[in-house]
Amino acid sequence: MREQTVVAADATGAADYFQTYSVVGLLAVVGVLFVAVAFGAGRLLRPVVPTPEKLLTYECGVDPVGEGWAHTQVRYYVYAFLYVIFAVDSIFLFPWATVFAAPGYGATTLVEMFVFLGFLAVGLLYAYKKGVLAWT
């Protein structure tokens, strides 16, 4: 008798669990349909009159000259990457400070944060060894 009650409760719990995900799935389908209808309406309603001038590459009001390849300075991407590293570091420090104050979590969160800061320090040391941090 007890086993039948447990099996019935498990079946009800599983139905509620999958019903929650069906709502998420339905919302995803509605979102995809909304985007598809918007793109389809835009394609049907826009005028399509291609001319040679419209098919030219346009950049800042100047006719294109030369080839389409340009050299890019990689250092700007490196600076952006370093910024993201420090931004992520600061984002994780705030929740860590609140959990660290909670009773029973002090030592565990302290160790986890030092492991996280260790990974960041290794990345910073690698950037320093590569000479990325030298401002020229």
Protein backbone atom coordinates (compact mmCIF):
# COMPACT_ATOMS: atom_id res chain seq x y z
CA MET A 1 0.00 0.00 0.00
CA ARG A 2 2.79 2.40 0.93
CA GLU A 3 4.66 1.62 -2.32
CA GLN A 4 1.61 2.46 -4.44
CA THR A 5 1.31 5.85 -2.75
CA VAL A 6 5.00 6.61 -3.39
CA VAL A 7 4.69 5.57 -7.07
CA ALA A 8 1.59 7.76 -7.50
CA ALA A 9 3.35 10.71 -5.87
CA ASP A 10 6.38 10.21 -8.15
CA ALA A 11 4.16 10.14 -11.24
CA THR A 12 2.44 13.35 -10.16
CA GLY A 13 5.78 15.04 -9.45
CA ALA A 14 7.14 14.00 -12.85
CA ALA A 15 4.02 15.34 -14.59
CA ASP A 16 4.40 18.71 -12.82
CA TYR A 17 8.10 18.75 -13.70
CA PHE A 18 7.50 18.18 -17.42
CA GLN A 19 4.55 20.58 -17.44
CA THR A 20 6.90 23.33 -16.30
CA TYR A 21 9.24 22.59 -19.19
CA SER A 22 6.35 22.45 -21.65
CA VAL A 23 5.58 26.08 -20.77
CA VAL A 24 9.21 27.00 -21.48
CA GLY A 25 9.09 25.07 -24.76
CA LEU A 26 5.84 26.76 -25.78
CA LEU A 27 7.36 30.16 -25.03
CA ALA A 28 10.41 29.30 -27.16
CA VAL A 29 8.19 28.23 -30.07
CA VAL A 30 6.13 31.43 -29.81
CA GLY A 31 9.35 33.48 -29.77
CA VAL A 32 10.72 31.75 -32.88
CA LEU A 33 7.40 32.18 -34.68
CA PHE A 34 7.29 35.87 -33.75
CA VAL A 35 10.75 36.45 -35.24
CA ALA A 36 9.94 34.38 -38.34
CA VAL A 37 6.70 36.30 -38.97
CA ALA A 38 8.50 39.64 -38.53
CA PHE A 39 11.23 38.69 -41.00
CA GLY A 40 8.70 37.26 -43.45
CA ALA A 41 6.55 40.41 -43.30
CA GLY A 42 9.63 42.57 -43.85
CA ARG A 43 10.62 40.51 -46.88
CA LEU A 44 7.12 40.72 -48.38
CA LEU A 45 6.61 44.44 -47.76
CA ARG A 46 9.97 45.92 -48.74
CA PRO A 47 10.60 47.16 -52.26
CA VAL A 48 13.26 45.26 -54.18
CA VAL A 49 14.84 47.39 -56.91
CA PRO A 50 18.51 46.42 -57.31
CA THR A 51 20.71 48.87 -59.22
CA PRO A 52 24.47 48.79 -59.79
CA GLU A 53 24.90 51.70 -57.38
CA LYS A 54 23.05 49.83 -54.63
CA LEU A 55 25.24 46.77 -55.12
CA LEU A 56 28.48 48.72 -54.55
CA THR A 57 30.29 48.49 -51.24
CA TYR A 58 29.67 51.71 -49.33
CA GLU A 59 31.91 53.07 -46.63
CA CYS A 60 31.60 56.55 -45.12
CA GLY A 61 30.39 58.15 -48.35
CA VAL A 62 33.59 57.31 -50.22
CA ASP A 63 33.76 54.98 -53.20
CA PRO A 64 35.75 51.85 -52.40
CA VAL A 65 39.35 51.85 -53.61
CA GLY A 66 41.77 48.94 -53.45
CA GLU A 67 41.14 45.52 -52.00
CA GLY A 68 38.86 44.67 -49.11
CA TRP A 69 41.55 43.42 -46.73
CA ALA A 70 42.87 45.71 -44.03
CA HIS A 71 45.45 45.14 -41.31
CA THR A 72 44.11 45.31 -37.80
CA GLN A 73 46.02 45.90 -34.59
CA VAL A 74 45.62 42.85 -32.38
CA ARG A 75 46.55 44.79 -29.24
CA TYR A 76 43.10 46.38 -29.06
CA TYR A 77 41.53 42.94 -28.81
CA VAL A 78 44.01 42.01 -26.11
CA TYR A 79 43.09 45.12 -24.11
CA ALA A 80 39.41 44.23 -24.48
CA PHE A 81 40.15 40.69 -23.35
CA LEU A 82 42.03 41.93 -20.29
CA TYR A 83 39.14 44.25 -19.46
CA VAL A 84 36.71 41.34 -19.64
CA ILE A 85 38.94 39.30 -17.31
CA PHE A 86 38.95 42.04 -14.67
CA ALA A 87 35.25 42.79 -15.14
CA VAL A 88 34.39 39.13 -14.57
CA ASP A 89 36.66 39.14 -11.54
CA SER A 90 34.83 42.09 -10.01
CA ILE A 91 31.42 40.57 -10.83
CA PHE A 92 32.31 37.41 -8.92
CA LEU A 93 33.73 39.27 -5.94
CA PHE A 94 30.41 40.82 -4.87
CA PRO A 95 28.41 37.58 -4.49
CA TRP A 96 31.44 35.97 -2.87
CA ALA A 97 31.50 38.68 -0.23
CA THR A 98 27.84 38.10 0.63
CA VAL A 99 28.20 34.30 0.85
CA PHE A 100 31.43 34.63 2.82
CA ALA A 101 29.51 36.47 5.54
CA ALA A 102 26.92 33.67 5.83
CA PRO A 103 27.50 31.28 8.75
CA GLY A 104 28.99 27.92 7.79
CA TYR A 105 30.34 28.97 4.39
CA GLY A 106 33.41 30.98 5.38
CA ALA A 107 36.27 28.52 4.83
CA THR A 108 34.77 26.92 1.73
CA THR A 109 34.10 30.18 -0.06
CA LEU A 110 37.51 31.51 0.94
CA VAL A 111 39.24 28.51 -0.69
CA GLU A 112 37.04 28.74 -3.78
CA MET A 113 37.78 32.44 -4.20
CA PHE A 114 41.52 31.91 -3.88
CA VAL A 115 41.33 29.18 -6.55
CA PHE A 116 39.43 31.59 -8.80
CA LEU A 117 41.91 34.40 -8.14
CA GLY A 118 44.73 31.93 -8.82
CA PHE A 119 43.36 31.23 -12.28
CA LEU A 120 43.14 34.96 -12.94
CA ALA A 121 46.68 35.47 -11.66
CA VAL A 122 47.96 32.77 -14.04
CA GLY A 123 46.23 34.56 -16.93
CA LEU A 124 47.69 37.89 -15.86
CA LEU A 125 51.16 36.38 -15.49
CA TYR A 126 50.85 34.89 -18.99
CA ALA A 127 49.87 38.29 -20.39
CA TYR A 128 52.81 39.90 -18.58
CA LYS A 129 55.28 37.30 -19.91
CA LYS A 130 54.00 37.87 -23.46
CA GLY A 131 54.59 41.62 -23.07
CA VAL A 132 50.95 42.52 -23.52
CA LEU A 133 50.87 44.80 -20.51
CA ALA A 134 53.68 47.04 -21.79
CA TRP A 135 52.04 50.28 -22.86
CA THR A 136 53.69 51.66 -26.03
